[in-house]
Amino acid sequence: MATETWTLDATDGGQLAVRTDVAGKASKMGHRLTIAMTSWTASVEWSGDTPTAVTLTAEVSSLEVVHGEGGLTPLIGPEKIVVKANALKSFDADRFPSIRFRSAEITAVDAGFQLAGTAEIHGVSREITVDVNVTDLGDRWHIGSETTVRQSDYKITPYSQMFGAMKVVDDVTVTFDADYRKS
């Protein structure tokens, strides 16, 4: 049976992003953020038509604030810099520079595959299950995923200010979108 390895990264137009929400009495002041990881690599090992292993590594320092929705004022350049600094501090990026996922089991499902494996974030490893949709677009495959991650499960304290009157919600949404061109 033929084996093949797909390598995907941000240079191919793929995106790995985190979406946040805000809570608290002053939540109207905060922005719901979309934060992209601009340096990441995913690898998919295949045996015939079956994926046998998936790994993903993202560099925490590559995070960029892409969009901010809500808030009292628009999220522009200087505020994005402050948000990035706060996020890097929450991740403790100097001590924990990478986020990693490694599959342990891959199961075919209707829309693609379910990956059961280990996510390592902020120096904490936890079992996680991720549903991945795979769509045949003719000349390429589209791979997409959306999953919820609870920051506190990885010993990350969600950002807050004003004594918690405005804070990032503990559950964040992690999205992945990439295309793999067929040979």
C-alpha atoms as a PDB file:
ATOM      1  CA  MET A   1       0.000   0.000   0.000  1.00  0.00           C
ATOM      2  CA  ALA A   2       1.355   3.413  -0.959  1.00  0.00           C
ATOM      3  CA  THR A   3       2.312   5.808   1.795  1.00  0.00           C
ATOM      4  CA  GLU A   4       2.274   9.568   1.428  1.00  0.00           C
ATOM      5  CA  THR A   5       2.754  12.577   3.697  1.00  0.00           C
ATOM      6  CA  TRP A   6       0.897  15.855   3.266  1.00  0.00           C
ATOM      7  CA  THR A   7       2.474  18.969   4.735  1.00  0.00           C
ATOM      8  CA  LEU A   8       0.277  22.004   5.270  1.00  0.00           C
ATOM      9  CA  ASP A   9       1.210  25.440   6.619  1.00  0.00           C
ATOM     10  CA  ALA A  10       0.231  29.095   6.606  1.00  0.00           C
ATOM     11  CA  THR A  11       2.196  29.796   3.404  1.00  0.00           C
ATOM     12  CA  ASP A  12      -0.363  27.771   1.427  1.00  0.00           C
ATOM     13  CA  GLY A  13      -3.150  30.127   2.493  1.00  0.00           C
ATOM     14  CA  GLY A  14      -4.184  27.919   5.387  1.00  0.00           C
ATOM     15  CA  GLN A  15      -5.339  29.464   8.635  1.00  0.00           C
ATOM     16  CA  LEU A  16      -5.135  28.393  12.254  1.00  0.00           C
ATOM     17  CA  ALA A  17      -7.093  30.839  14.385  1.00  0.00           C
ATOM     18  CA  VAL A  18      -8.571  31.359  17.834  1.00  0.00           C
ATOM     19  CA  ARG A  19     -11.852  33.221  18.393  1.00  0.00           C
ATOM     20  CA  THR A  20     -12.576  34.670  21.815  1.00  0.00           C
ATOM     21  CA  ASP A  21     -15.641  36.117  23.501  1.00  0.00           C
ATOM     22  CA  VAL A  22     -15.976  38.506  26.435  1.00  0.00           C
ATOM     23  CA  ALA A  23     -18.018  38.379  29.651  1.00  0.00           C
ATOM     24  CA  GLY A  24     -18.580  40.372  32.809  1.00  0.00           C
ATOM     25  CA  LYS A  25     -20.466  43.522  33.774  1.00  0.00           C
ATOM     26  CA  ALA A  26     -18.255  45.634  31.477  1.00  0.00           C
ATOM     27  CA  SER A  27     -18.183  43.116  28.585  1.00  0.00           C
ATOM     28  CA  LYS A  28     -19.510  45.745  26.146  1.00  0.00           C
ATOM     29  CA  MET A  29     -16.104  47.443  26.476  1.00  0.00           C
ATOM     30  CA  GLY A  30     -14.208  44.363  25.272  1.00  0.00           C
ATOM     31  CA  HIS A  31     -13.652  43.009  21.785  1.00  0.00           C
ATOM     32  CA  ARG A  32     -14.513  39.538  20.555  1.00  0.00           C
ATOM     33  CA  LEU A  33     -11.212  38.681  18.900  1.00  0.00           C
ATOM     34  CA  THR A  34      -9.976  36.600  16.012  1.00  0.00           C
ATOM     35  CA  ILE A  35      -6.307  35.755  16.560  1.00  0.00           C
ATOM     36  CA  ALA A  36      -4.380  33.944  13.810  1.00  0.00           C
ATOM     37  CA  MET A  37      -1.291  31.855  14.341  1.00  0.00           C
ATOM     38  CA  THR A  38       0.886  32.836  11.367  1.00  0.00           C
ATOM     39  CA  SER A  39       3.571  30.162  11.846  1.00  0.00           C
ATOM     40  CA  TRP A  40       2.307  26.594  12.010  1.00  0.00           C
ATOM     41  CA  THR A  41       2.855  23.268  10.272  1.00  0.00           C
ATOM     42  CA  ALA A  42       0.546  20.274  10.009  1.00  0.00           C
ATOM     43  CA  SER A  43       1.559  16.866   8.738  1.00  0.00           C
ATOM     44  CA  VAL A  44      -0.786  14.085   7.649  1.00  0.00           C
ATOM     45  CA  GLU A  45       0.632  10.613   7.050  1.00  0.00           C
ATOM     46  CA  TRP A  46      -1.397   8.364   4.748  1.00  0.00           C
ATOM     47  CA  SER A  47      -1.440   4.643   4.050  1.00  0.00           C
ATOM     48  CA  GLY A  48      -3.497   4.324   0.860  1.00  0.00           C
ATOM     49  CA  ASP A  49      -6.731   6.270   1.408  1.00  0.00           C
ATOM     50  CA  THR A  50      -6.452   6.189   5.199  1.00  0.00           C
ATOM     51  CA  PRO A  51      -4.724   8.820   7.337  1.00  0.00           C
ATOM     52  CA  THR A  52      -2.533   7.120   9.936  1.00  0.00           C
ATOM     53  CA  ALA A  53      -1.074  10.083  11.851  1.00  0.00           C
ATOM     54  CA  VAL A  54      -1.679  13.815  12.160  1.00  0.00           C
ATOM     55  CA  THR A  55       0.578  16.319  13.895  1.00  0.00           C
ATOM     56  CA  LEU A  56       0.329  20.081  14.178  1.00  0.00           C
ATOM     57  CA  THR A  57       2.781  22.551  15.708  1.00  0.00           C
ATOM     58  CA  ALA A  58       2.107  26.286  16.082  1.00  0.00           C
ATOM     59  CA  GLU A  59       4.551  28.924  17.275  1.00  0.00           C
ATOM     60  CA  VAL A  60       2.871  31.030  19.980  1.00  0.00           C
ATOM     61  CA  SER A  61       4.974  34.110  19.200  1.00  0.00           C
ATOM     62  CA  SER A  62       3.481  34.164  15.688  1.00  0.00           C
ATOM     63  CA  LEU A  63       0.023  35.143  16.915  1.00  0.00           C
ATOM     64  CA  GLU A  64      -1.497  38.187  15.239  1.00  0.00           C
ATOM     65  CA  VAL A  65      -4.735  39.931  16.128  1.00  0.00           C
ATOM     66  CA  VAL A  66      -6.697  39.829  12.861  1.00  0.00           C
ATOM     67  CA  HIS A  67     -10.078  41.196  13.873  1.00  0.00           C
ATOM     68  CA  GLY A  68     -11.901  42.646  16.854  1.00  0.00           C
ATOM     69  CA  GLU A  69     -15.675  42.865  16.992  1.00  0.00           C
ATOM     70  CA  GLY A  70     -17.602  44.972  19.480  1.00  0.00           C
ATOM     71  CA  GLY A  71     -15.929  47.135  22.077  1.00  0.00           C
ATOM     72  CA  LEU A  72     -16.405  50.835  22.688  1.00  0.00           C
ATOM     73  CA  THR A  73     -13.827  51.831  20.060  1.00  0.00           C
ATOM     74  CA  PRO A  74     -12.558  50.146  16.875  1.00  0.00           C
ATOM     75  CA  LEU A  75      -9.644  47.760  17.348  1.00  0.00           C
ATOM     76  CA  ILE A  76      -6.823  49.467  15.427  1.00  0.00           C
ATOM     77  CA  GLY A  77      -3.009  49.211  15.289  1.00  0.00           C
ATOM     78  CA  PRO A  78      -1.960  50.368  18.786  1.00  0.00           C
ATOM     79  CA  GLU A  79      -4.748  48.420  20.508  1.00  0.00           C
ATOM     80  CA  LYS A  80      -3.861  45.287  18.496  1.00  0.00           C
ATOM     81  CA  ILE A  81      -0.282  45.572  19.785  1.00  0.00           C
ATOM     82  CA  VAL A  82      -1.531  45.742  23.383  1.00  0.00           C
ATOM     83  CA  VAL A  83      -3.875  42.772  22.820  1.00  0.00           C
ATOM     84  CA  LYS A  84      -1.000  40.731  21.325  1.00  0.00           C
ATOM     85  CA  ALA A  85       1.246  41.554  24.294  1.00  0.00           C
ATOM     86  CA  ASN A  86      -1.514  40.506  26.722  1.00  0.00           C
ATOM     87  CA  ALA A  87      -2.101  37.254  24.807  1.00  0.00           C
ATOM     88  CA  LEU A  88       1.622  36.390  24.752  1.00  0.00           C
ATOM     89  CA  LYS A  89       1.727  37.036  28.493  1.00  0.00           C
ATOM     90  CA  SER A  90      -1.337  34.788  29.079  1.00  0.00           C
ATOM     91  CA  PHE A  91       0.313  32.013  27.036  1.00  0.00           C
ATOM     92  CA  ASP A  92       3.636  32.603  28.847  1.00  0.00           C
ATOM     93  CA  ALA A  93       5.148  32.385  25.355  1.00  0.00           C
ATOM     94  CA  ASP A  94       8.768  32.680  26.526  1.00  0.00           C
ATOM     95  CA  ARG A  95       8.463  29.503  28.636  1.00  0.00           C
ATOM     96  CA  PHE A  96       6.018  27.663  26.351  1.00  0.00           C
ATOM     97  CA  PRO A  97       6.797  28.759  22.783  1.00  0.00           C
ATOM     98  CA  SER A  98       4.863  26.026  20.937  1.00  0.00           C
ATOM     99  CA  ILE A  99       1.419  24.480  20.834  1.00  0.00           C
ATOM    100  CA  ARG A 100       1.332  20.877  19.645  1.00  0.00           C
ATOM    101  CA  PHE A 101      -1.245  18.273  18.672  1.00  0.00           C
ATOM    102  CA  ARG A 102      -0.504  14.609  17.923  1.00  0.00           C
ATOM    103  CA  SER A 103      -3.154  12.098  16.945  1.00  0.00           C
ATOM    104  CA  ALA A 104      -3.347   8.731  18.678  1.00  0.00           C
ATOM    105  CA  GLU A 105      -6.401   7.385  16.846  1.00  0.00           C
ATOM    106  CA  ILE A 106      -8.111   8.420  13.608  1.00  0.00           C
ATOM    107  CA  THR A 107     -11.666   7.340  12.790  1.00  0.00           C
ATOM    108  CA  ALA A 108     -13.465   7.889   9.478  1.00  0.00           C
ATOM    109  CA  VAL A 109     -16.787   9.754   9.875  1.00  0.00           C
ATOM    110  CA  ASP A 110     -19.345  11.001   7.326  1.00  0.00           C
ATOM    111  CA  ALA A 111     -17.759  14.409   6.672  1.00  0.00           C
ATOM    112  CA  GLY A 112     -14.109  13.385   7.130  1.00  0.00           C
ATOM    113  CA  PHE A 113     -12.268  12.119  10.183  1.00  0.00           C
ATOM    114  CA  GLN A 114     -12.338  12.287  13.960  1.00  0.00           C
ATOM    115  CA  LEU A 115      -8.903  12.700  15.519  1.00  0.00           C
ATOM    116  CA  ALA A 116      -8.354  11.592  19.099  1.00  0.00           C
ATOM    117  CA  GLY A 117      -5.008  12.652  20.465  1.00  0.00           C
ATOM    118  CA  THR A 118      -3.020  14.885  22.761  1.00  0.00           C
ATOM    119  CA  ALA A 119      -2.871  18.680  22.718  1.00  0.00           C
ATOM    120  CA  GLU A 120       0.019  20.344  24.516  1.00  0.00           C
ATOM    121  CA  ILE A 121      -0.629  23.981  25.368  1.00  0.00           C
ATOM    122  CA  HIS A 122       1.153  26.081  28.003  1.00  0.00           C
ATOM    123  CA  GLY A 123       3.176  23.037  29.076  1.00  0.00           C
ATOM    124  CA  VAL A 124       0.035  20.998  29.827  1.00  0.00           C
ATOM    125  CA  SER A 125      -0.879  17.882  27.817  1.00  0.00           C
ATOM    126  CA  ARG A 126      -4.511  16.795  27.614  1.00  0.00           C
ATOM    127  CA  GLU A 127      -6.500  14.314  25.578  1.00  0.00           C
ATOM    128  CA  ILE A 128      -8.722  15.988  22.990  1.00  0.00           C
ATOM    129  CA  THR A 129     -11.000  14.926  20.145  1.00  0.00           C
ATOM    130  CA  VAL A 130     -11.187  17.016  16.994  1.00  0.00           C
ATOM    131  CA  ASP A 131     -13.614  16.569  14.087  1.00  0.00           C
ATOM    132  CA  VAL A 132     -12.038  17.356  10.712  1.00  0.00           C
ATOM    133  CA  ASN A 133     -14.153  17.921   7.607  1.00  0.00           C
ATOM    134  CA  VAL A 134     -12.576  16.969   4.285  1.00  0.00           C
ATOM    135  CA  THR A 135     -14.125  18.189   1.015  1.00  0.00           C
ATOM    136  CA  ASP A 136     -13.071  17.215  -2.502  1.00  0.00           C
ATOM    137  CA  LEU A 137     -12.935  20.430  -4.582  1.00  0.00           C
ATOM    138  CA  GLY A 138     -11.721  18.721  -7.754  1.00  0.00           C
ATOM    139  CA  ASP A 139      -8.136  20.022  -8.011  1.00  0.00           C
ATOM    140  CA  ARG A 140      -7.592  20.091  -4.239  1.00  0.00           C
ATOM    141  CA  TRP A 141      -8.832  18.864  -0.877  1.00  0.00           C
ATOM    142  CA  HIS A 142     -10.223  21.343   1.635  1.00  0.00           C
ATOM    143  CA  ILE A 143      -9.616  20.482   5.294  1.00  0.00           C
ATOM    144  CA  GLY A 144     -11.561  22.337   7.984  1.00  0.00           C
ATOM    145  CA  SER A 145     -12.090  22.001  11.697  1.00  0.00           C
ATOM    146  CA  GLU A 146     -13.620  23.907  14.584  1.00  0.00           C
ATOM    147  CA  THR A 147     -13.269  22.877  18.205  1.00  0.00           C
ATOM    148  CA  THR A 148     -13.660  24.428  21.641  1.00  0.00           C
ATOM    149  CA  VAL A 149     -10.723  24.613  24.028  1.00  0.00           C
ATOM    150  CA  ARG A 150     -11.044  25.652  27.673  1.00  0.00           C
ATOM    151  CA  GLN A 151      -8.053  27.809  28.598  1.00  0.00           C
ATOM    152  CA  SER A 152      -8.130  26.848  32.277  1.00  0.00           C
ATOM    153  CA  ASP A 153      -7.744  23.158  31.308  1.00  0.00           C
ATOM    154  CA  TYR A 154      -4.227  24.160  30.202  1.00  0.00           C
ATOM    155  CA  LYS A 155      -3.519  26.336  33.271  1.00  0.00           C
ATOM    156  CA  ILE A 156      -4.019  29.541  31.270  1.00  0.00           C
ATOM    157  CA  THR A 157      -5.777  32.282  33.192  1.00  0.00           C
ATOM    158  CA  PRO A 158      -8.115  34.064  30.761  1.00  0.00           C
ATOM    159  CA  TYR A 159      -7.255  37.757  30.407  1.00  0.00           C
ATOM    160  CA  SER A 160      -9.339  40.137  32.508  1.00  0.00           C
ATOM    161  CA  GLN A 161      -9.271  43.735  33.623  1.00  0.00           C
ATOM    162  CA  MET A 162     -11.204  46.031  35.956  1.00  0.00           C
ATOM    163  CA  PHE A 163     -11.177  43.337  38.659  1.00  0.00           C
ATOM    164  CA  GLY A 164     -12.925  40.880  36.343  1.00  0.00           C
ATOM    165  CA  ALA A 165     -15.698  43.234  35.191  1.00  0.00           C
ATOM    166  CA  MET A 166     -14.418  42.602  31.649  1.00  0.00           C
ATOM    167  CA  LYS A 167     -12.805  39.261  30.886  1.00  0.00           C
ATOM    168  CA  VAL A 168     -12.134  36.826  28.081  1.00  0.00           C
ATOM    169  CA  VAL A 169     -14.448  33.806  28.287  1.00  0.00           C
ATOM    170  CA  ASP A 170     -12.622  30.624  29.357  1.00  0.00           C
ATOM    171  CA  ASP A 171     -13.843  28.640  26.314  1.00  0.00           C
ATOM    172  CA  VAL A 172     -12.250  29.737  23.032  1.00  0.00           C
ATOM    173  CA  THR A 173     -12.964  28.408  19.534  1.00  0.00           C
ATOM    174  CA  VAL A 174     -10.031  27.072  17.543  1.00  0.00           C
ATOM    175  CA  THR A 175     -10.528  26.911  13.770  1.00  0.00           C
ATOM    176  CA  PHE A 176      -8.377  25.314  11.087  1.00  0.00           C
ATOM    177  CA  ASP A 177      -8.763  25.750   7.326  1.00  0.00           C
ATOM    178  CA  ALA A 178      -6.333  24.600   4.658  1.00  0.00           C
ATOM    179  CA  ASP A 179      -6.245  23.288   1.111  1.00  0.00           C
ATOM    180  CA  TYR A 180      -4.032  20.498  -0.178  1.00  0.00           C
ATOM    181  CA  ARG A 181      -3.469  20.510  -3.944  1.00  0.00           C
ATOM    182  CA  LYS A 182      -3.825  17.150  -5.631  1.00  0.00           C
ATOM    183  CA  SER A 183      -0.841  15.880  -7.631  1.00  0.00           C
END
